[in-house]
Protein backbone atom coordinates (compact mmCIF):
# COMPACT_ATOMS: atom_id res chain seq x y z
CA MET A 1 2.01 2.86 -14.14
CA ASN A 2 -0.81 0.80 -13.63
CA GLU A 3 -3.41 1.93 -16.23
CA GLN A 4 -5.87 1.60 -13.57
CA TYR A 5 -4.54 4.44 -12.22
CA ILE A 6 -5.69 7.35 -14.07
CA TYR A 7 -6.57 11.02 -13.44
CA GLN A 8 -10.36 11.82 -12.37
CA ALA A 9 -11.77 13.27 -15.64
CA ASP A 10 -15.27 13.34 -13.88
CA LEU A 11 -15.22 16.00 -10.88
CA SER A 12 -18.73 16.19 -10.15
CA ASP A 13 -18.11 14.97 -6.74
CA LEU A 14 -15.65 17.39 -5.92
CA ILE A 15 -17.06 20.74 -7.79
CA GLY A 16 -18.10 23.17 -5.10
CA LEU A 17 -16.71 20.89 -2.43
CA LYS A 18 -15.18 24.04 -0.69
CA PRO A 19 -12.38 22.06 1.07
CA GLN A 20 -11.09 23.54 4.25
CA ARG A 21 -8.71 21.07 5.25
CA VAL A 22 -6.37 19.99 2.35
CA VAL A 23 -3.19 17.84 2.27
CA SER A 24 -1.27 18.08 -1.12
CA LEU A 25 0.96 15.68 -2.00
CA VAL A 26 2.07 17.44 -5.31
CA PRO A 27 4.65 20.27 -4.90
CA SER A 28 3.40 22.26 -8.13
CA MET A 29 -0.52 22.12 -6.88
CA THR A 30 0.97 23.15 -3.08
CA GLU A 31 2.55 26.29 -4.81
CA SER A 32 -0.60 26.76 -7.13
CA LEU A 33 -2.84 26.94 -4.20
CA PHE A 34 -0.77 29.69 -2.35
CA ASP A 35 -0.62 31.64 -5.46
CA LEU A 36 -4.45 31.34 -6.24
CA ASN A 37 -5.04 32.67 -2.52
CA MET A 38 -6.45 29.19 -1.27
CA GLY A 39 -2.94 28.04 0.60
CA ASP A 40 -4.78 28.86 3.97
CA ARG A 41 -6.87 25.40 3.29
CA LEU A 42 -3.53 23.39 3.43
CA VAL A 43 -3.17 21.32 6.87
CA ALA A 44 -0.21 19.41 5.61
CA VAL A 45 2.19 19.11 2.62
CA THR A 46 5.14 16.85 1.47
CA ASP A 47 8.97 17.18 2.38
CA TYR A 48 9.25 18.30 -1.48
CA CYS A 49 6.71 21.11 -1.34
CA GLU A 50 9.37 23.99 -1.25
CA HIS A 51 7.38 27.10 -2.78
CA PRO A 52 6.43 29.32 -1.44
CA ALA A 53 9.20 29.06 1.16
CA ASP A 54 7.86 31.13 3.69
CA LYS A 55 4.26 29.69 3.90
CA VAL A 56 5.32 26.02 3.45
CA ALA A 57 7.70 26.32 6.23
CA HIS A 58 5.19 26.33 9.01
CA LEU A 59 3.33 23.47 7.47
CA PRO A 60 3.13 19.85 9.02
CA LYS A 61 5.32 17.46 6.47
CA VAL A 62 3.72 14.05 5.68
CA GLY A 63 6.75 12.54 4.05
CA GLY A 64 7.79 12.55 0.26
CA THR A 65 5.88 12.03 -2.58
CA LYS A 66 6.37 8.50 -2.96
CA ASN A 67 6.30 7.57 0.23
CA PRO A 68 3.93 9.38 2.42
CA ASN A 69 2.60 8.91 6.05
CA ILE A 70 -0.82 7.74 5.05
CA LYS A 71 -1.49 7.11 8.97
CA GLN A 72 -0.21 10.60 9.60
CA ILE A 73 -2.51 11.85 6.69
CA ILE A 74 -5.61 10.34 7.84
CA ALA A 75 -4.96 11.42 11.31
CA LEU A 76 -5.30 14.91 10.35
CA LYS A 77 -8.96 14.37 8.87
CA PRO A 78 -8.60 16.16 5.63
CA ASP A 79 -11.72 16.70 3.65
CA LEU A 80 -9.57 16.44 0.15
CA VAL A 81 -5.97 14.94 -0.59
CA ILE A 82 -4.45 16.55 -3.87
CA MET A 83 -2.44 13.76 -5.66
CA ASN A 84 -0.68 13.51 -8.89
CA GLN A 85 -0.61 10.23 -11.11
CA GLU A 86 2.91 10.31 -11.78
CA GLU A 87 4.23 11.64 -8.67
CA ASN A 88 1.88 9.57 -6.25
CA ARG A 89 1.87 5.98 -5.99
CA LEU A 90 -1.69 3.82 -6.59
CA ALA A 91 -1.16 1.88 -3.25
CA ASP A 92 -1.36 5.24 -1.23
CA ALA A 93 -4.51 6.67 -3.22
CA GLU A 94 -6.12 3.29 -2.73
CA ALA A 95 -5.13 3.51 1.02
CA LEU A 96 -6.57 6.76 1.56
CA SER A 97 -9.81 6.29 -0.62
CA ASN A 98 -10.39 2.99 1.55
CA ALA A 99 -10.25 5.25 4.48
CA GLY A 100 -13.13 7.34 3.37
CA ILE A 101 -10.92 10.37 2.32
CA ARG A 102 -11.89 12.17 -0.91
CA ILE A 103 -8.74 12.39 -3.61
CA TRP A 104 -8.32 14.36 -6.31
CA VAL A 105 -5.81 12.76 -8.99
CA THR A 106 -4.46 15.12 -11.70
CA HIS A 107 -2.76 14.16 -14.58
CA PRO A 108 -2.42 16.97 -16.96
CA ARG A 109 -0.42 15.86 -20.19
CA THR A 110 -0.80 19.31 -22.21
CA VAL A 111 -0.70 22.80 -21.35
CA ALA A 112 -4.36 23.08 -22.05
CA GLU A 113 -4.79 20.34 -19.48
CA ALA A 114 -3.04 21.98 -16.89
CA ILE A 115 -4.71 25.12 -17.48
CA ASN A 116 -7.99 23.41 -17.30
CA MET A 117 -6.79 21.91 -13.73
CA LEU A 118 -6.40 25.35 -12.27
CA TRP A 119 -10.17 25.94 -13.60
CA ASP A 120 -11.01 22.90 -11.96
CA MET A 121 -9.54 24.00 -8.82
CA VAL A 122 -11.30 27.30 -8.78
CA GLY A 123 -14.43 25.35 -9.14
CA ILE A 124 -13.41 22.83 -6.42
CA PHE A 125 -12.66 25.32 -3.86
CA ASP A 126 -15.23 27.93 -5.18
CA GLU A 127 -12.57 30.65 -5.46
CA THR A 128 -14.02 32.98 -8.10
CA SER A 129 -11.66 35.96 -7.18
CA MET A 130 -8.87 34.13 -9.19
CA VAL A 131 -10.89 33.84 -12.41
CA PRO A 132 -9.02 36.86 -13.91
CA ARG A 133 -5.77 35.23 -13.07
CA ILE A 134 -6.11 32.14 -14.72
CA GLN A 135 -7.56 34.05 -17.91
CA HIS A 136 -4.47 35.91 -18.29
CA ILE A 137 -2.52 32.55 -18.05
CA ASP A 138 -4.62 31.27 -20.69
CA ARG A 139 -4.49 34.32 -23.15
CA VAL A 140 -0.61 34.41 -22.92
CA TYR A 141 -0.52 30.97 -23.83
CA ASP A 142 -2.70 31.45 -26.71
CA MET A 143 -0.47 34.10 -27.83
CA MET A 144 2.61 32.22 -27.16
CA ALA A 145 1.31 28.76 -29.36
CA LEU A 146 0.20 31.59 -32.12
CA ALA A 147 3.61 33.08 -32.47
CA ALA A 148 5.72 29.57 -32.35
CA GLU A 149 3.46 28.74 -35.57
CA SER A 150 5.24 31.57 -37.44
CA GLN A 151 8.97 30.75 -36.60
CA PRO A 152 11.02 28.13 -37.58
CA ARG A 153 10.79 25.25 -35.16
CA LEU A 154 14.06 24.18 -33.41
CA LYS A 155 15.28 20.69 -33.16
CA THR A 156 15.43 20.44 -29.17
CA PHE A 157 16.80 17.70 -27.11
CA VAL A 158 16.06 17.90 -23.29
CA PRO A 159 17.57 15.11 -21.00
CA ILE A 160 15.76 14.90 -17.68
CA TRP A 161 18.44 12.30 -16.07
CA ARG A 162 21.96 11.15 -17.03
CA ASP A 163 24.04 7.62 -16.55
CA PRO A 164 22.08 6.41 -18.60
CA TRP A 165 20.52 9.69 -20.84
CA MET A 166 16.79 9.70 -20.32
CA THR A 167 14.36 11.89 -22.24
CA PHE A 168 10.58 12.23 -23.02
CA ASN A 169 8.41 11.49 -26.00
CA ARG A 170 5.24 13.49 -27.08
CA ASP A 171 2.88 12.05 -24.64
CA THR A 172 3.96 14.40 -21.94
CA TYR A 173 3.59 17.73 -20.28
CA ILE A 174 7.12 18.89 -20.90
CA HIS A 175 6.98 18.07 -24.70
CA ASP A 176 3.63 19.87 -25.14
CA LEU A 177 5.19 22.87 -23.51
CA LEU A 178 8.08 23.10 -25.63
CA TYR A 179 6.09 22.29 -29.02
CA HIS A 180 3.78 25.35 -28.32
CA LEU A 181 6.77 27.32 -27.49
CA GLY A 182 8.46 26.56 -31.00
CA ALA A 183 10.59 23.60 -30.12
CA GLU A 184 10.86 20.35 -31.87
CA ASN A 185 11.38 17.42 -29.81
CA VAL A 186 13.75 15.23 -31.49
CA PHE A 187 12.83 12.23 -29.73
CA ALA A 188 9.16 12.72 -30.04
CA ASP A 189 8.24 9.38 -31.28
CA ARG A 190 10.90 7.30 -29.39
CA MET A 191 9.48 4.59 -27.12
CA ARG A 192 10.97 3.14 -24.09
CA GLN A 193 12.17 -0.31 -24.65
CA PHE A 194 12.66 -2.93 -22.41
CA PRO A 195 14.96 -4.23 -20.75
CA LEU A 196 17.67 -1.20 -20.50
CA LYS A 197 20.09 -2.73 -22.87
CA ALA A 198 17.27 -2.78 -25.35
CA ASP A 199 16.52 0.88 -24.83
CA LEU A 200 20.25 1.44 -25.47
CA GLY A 201 20.18 -0.63 -28.65
CA GLN A 202 22.39 -3.45 -27.15
CA ALA A 203 19.77 -6.21 -27.22
CA GLU A 204 16.17 -7.16 -28.62
CA PRO A 205 13.37 -5.35 -26.74
CA LEU A 206 10.48 -7.10 -25.14
CA PRO A 207 7.42 -7.67 -27.35
CA SER A 208 4.72 -4.51 -26.21
CA ASP A 209 2.22 -7.56 -25.17
CA ASP A 210 4.91 -9.02 -22.65
CA PRO A 211 3.31 -9.19 -19.42
CA ARG A 212 6.53 -7.59 -17.96
CA VAL A 213 5.94 -4.56 -20.28
CA SER A 214 2.46 -4.21 -20.82
CA GLU A 215 1.86 -1.90 -17.76
CA ARG A 216 5.30 -0.08 -18.08
CA ASP A 217 5.31 3.45 -18.60
CA VAL A 218 7.20 3.76 -22.25
CA ARG A 219 6.81 7.84 -22.42
CA TYR A 220 10.65 8.26 -20.97
CA PRO A 221 13.04 6.61 -23.22
CA ARG A 222 16.92 6.22 -22.14
CA VAL A 223 18.98 7.01 -25.20
CA SER A 224 22.73 6.89 -26.20
CA LEU A 225 25.13 9.61 -27.08
CA GLU A 226 24.85 8.08 -30.65
CA GLU A 227 21.39 8.85 -30.94
CA ILE A 228 21.72 12.35 -29.79
CA VAL A 229 24.12 12.90 -32.26
CA SER A 230 21.61 11.19 -34.94
CA ALA A 231 19.17 13.58 -34.08
CA GLN A 232 20.93 16.74 -34.81
CA PRO A 233 19.52 18.73 -32.13
CA GLU A 234 19.64 22.44 -32.67
CA LEU A 235 19.12 23.39 -29.29
CA ILE A 236 20.02 21.57 -25.77
CA LEU A 237 17.93 22.57 -22.61
CA LEU A 238 19.64 21.04 -19.36
CA PRO A 239 17.10 21.16 -16.71
CA THR A 240 17.93 21.56 -12.92
CA GLU A 241 15.42 18.96 -12.11
CA PRO A 242 14.58 16.17 -11.70
CA TYR A 243 18.46 15.63 -12.25
CA ALA A 244 20.21 18.60 -11.20
CA PHE A 245 22.15 19.49 -14.02
CA SER A 246 24.38 22.46 -14.11
CA GLU A 247 27.03 24.37 -16.07
CA SER A 248 29.45 21.79 -15.57
CA ASP A 249 27.42 19.37 -17.70
CA VAL A 250 27.55 21.69 -20.81
CA GLU A 251 30.97 19.97 -21.50
CA ILE A 252 29.72 16.87 -21.80
CA PHE A 253 28.10 17.76 -25.28
CA SER A 254 31.32 19.78 -26.67
CA ALA A 255 33.03 17.15 -28.53
CA LEU A 256 29.53 16.06 -30.34
CA ASP A 257 29.17 17.38 -33.96
CA ILE A 258 25.81 18.62 -33.57
CA PRO A 259 24.35 21.92 -34.27
CA ALA A 260 23.73 22.82 -30.54
CA VAL A 261 27.48 22.60 -30.03
CA HIS A 262 28.44 24.70 -33.09
CA TYR A 263 25.89 27.51 -32.57
CA GLN A 264 26.25 27.43 -28.42
CA ASN A 265 22.93 26.72 -28.01
CA ILE A 266 23.22 24.74 -24.79
CA TYR A 267 21.45 26.35 -21.94
CA VAL A 268 20.99 25.26 -18.02
CA VAL A 269 17.34 26.28 -17.12
CA ASP A 270 15.14 26.26 -14.39
CA GLY A 271 13.66 22.61 -14.35
CA SER A 272 10.24 23.45 -12.61
CA LEU A 273 9.58 25.77 -15.55
CA LEU A 274 9.63 22.71 -17.69
CA THR A 275 7.74 20.18 -15.34
CA TRP A 276 5.63 21.88 -12.65
CA HIS A 277 2.31 22.19 -14.09
CA GLY A 278 0.34 24.64 -12.19
CA THR A 279 0.40 28.49 -11.78
CA ARG A 280 4.25 28.23 -12.84
CA ILE A 281 3.01 27.94 -16.14
CA ALA A 282 2.98 31.88 -16.17
CA GLN A 283 6.64 31.80 -15.25
CA ALA A 284 7.57 29.56 -17.84
CA LEU A 285 5.83 31.30 -20.53
CA ARG A 286 7.78 34.72 -19.49
CA GLU A 287 11.19 33.22 -19.25
CA LEU A 288 11.67 30.18 -21.68
CA PRO A 289 10.21 32.14 -24.55
CA PRO A 290 13.28 34.27 -24.88
CA ILE A 291 15.84 31.46 -24.65
CA LEU A 292 14.52 29.84 -27.78
CA ASP A 293 14.14 33.31 -29.50
CA GLU A 294 18.13 33.66 -28.75
CA ALA A 295 18.99 30.12 -29.80
CA ARG A 296 16.81 30.55 -32.85
CA ASN A 297 18.41 33.91 -34.11
CA LYS A 298 21.83 32.19 -33.82
CA ILE A 299 20.82 29.92 -36.51
CA TYR A 300 18.08 31.72 -38.66
CA PRO A 301 19.05 35.69 -38.25
CA THR A 302 16.30 38.06 -38.75
CA GLU A 303 15.87 41.32 -40.65
CA ASN A 304 13.47 43.45 -39.31
CA GLY A 305 11.81 40.90 -37.27
CA VAL A 306 11.64 38.40 -40.36
CA PHE A 307 13.05 35.10 -40.58
CA GLU A 308 15.32 35.16 -43.61
């Protein structure tokens, strides 16, 4: 990602805007707008904005997150277009901005930043009735993070793609979410290397100051099965997106000599719980902790609620 394409830390020109015609190019933000009773402001969304299904079905679609129809968006005369640094392209942000359209580029890399993003949404739309809802999410997150500090952390591997295997390091939202729920990302310090053979340990990597590397995103390394074995994960989570992992993929790991296999701690999970930063945080905080608790109890049995 081009370093110039950064999220807007200064929202002074957006707070209190009260936009009435909004185009969302971010599926998680589309869902959040409806969850926070602001979905009636939407005039168009992307082909990938699928939730809530009954509401988005009636909205015009402006293409994908990576290839939106800019002319169609401009013709809709929106007073705000919501974008995300990872999901949308710099060229599209520039095209909309050059057309005189206000854009809000989000880029939360932690759960705290994602919750602050929801607060920003309330400020931009001036929808104070939703304050209690966000306060509740904030409180639950604080409680979960505090509880995680008193429990053994599970060494965890989460692939987001296969052929080759791809995962994430500590500078990502998904890492931060799992960390505050009690997981230890086994590839937290792994940086992506270029070219591909270097990332898989089959060639020398290009130096970090090489112009072919300097503006590349290094947060999503590609790893080998040998590296996964060496990391000895106690838990493997297989998300249903962005790669559609399923129960059939569990068998891939069955021959590996790792604790996650020995303790049968391989789970297929709803990928949106790990990657959608918006009101879906609330669902993630409900559904992910029981999975981690079940996996943890197989390795660290408890007696009267206290880990032995």
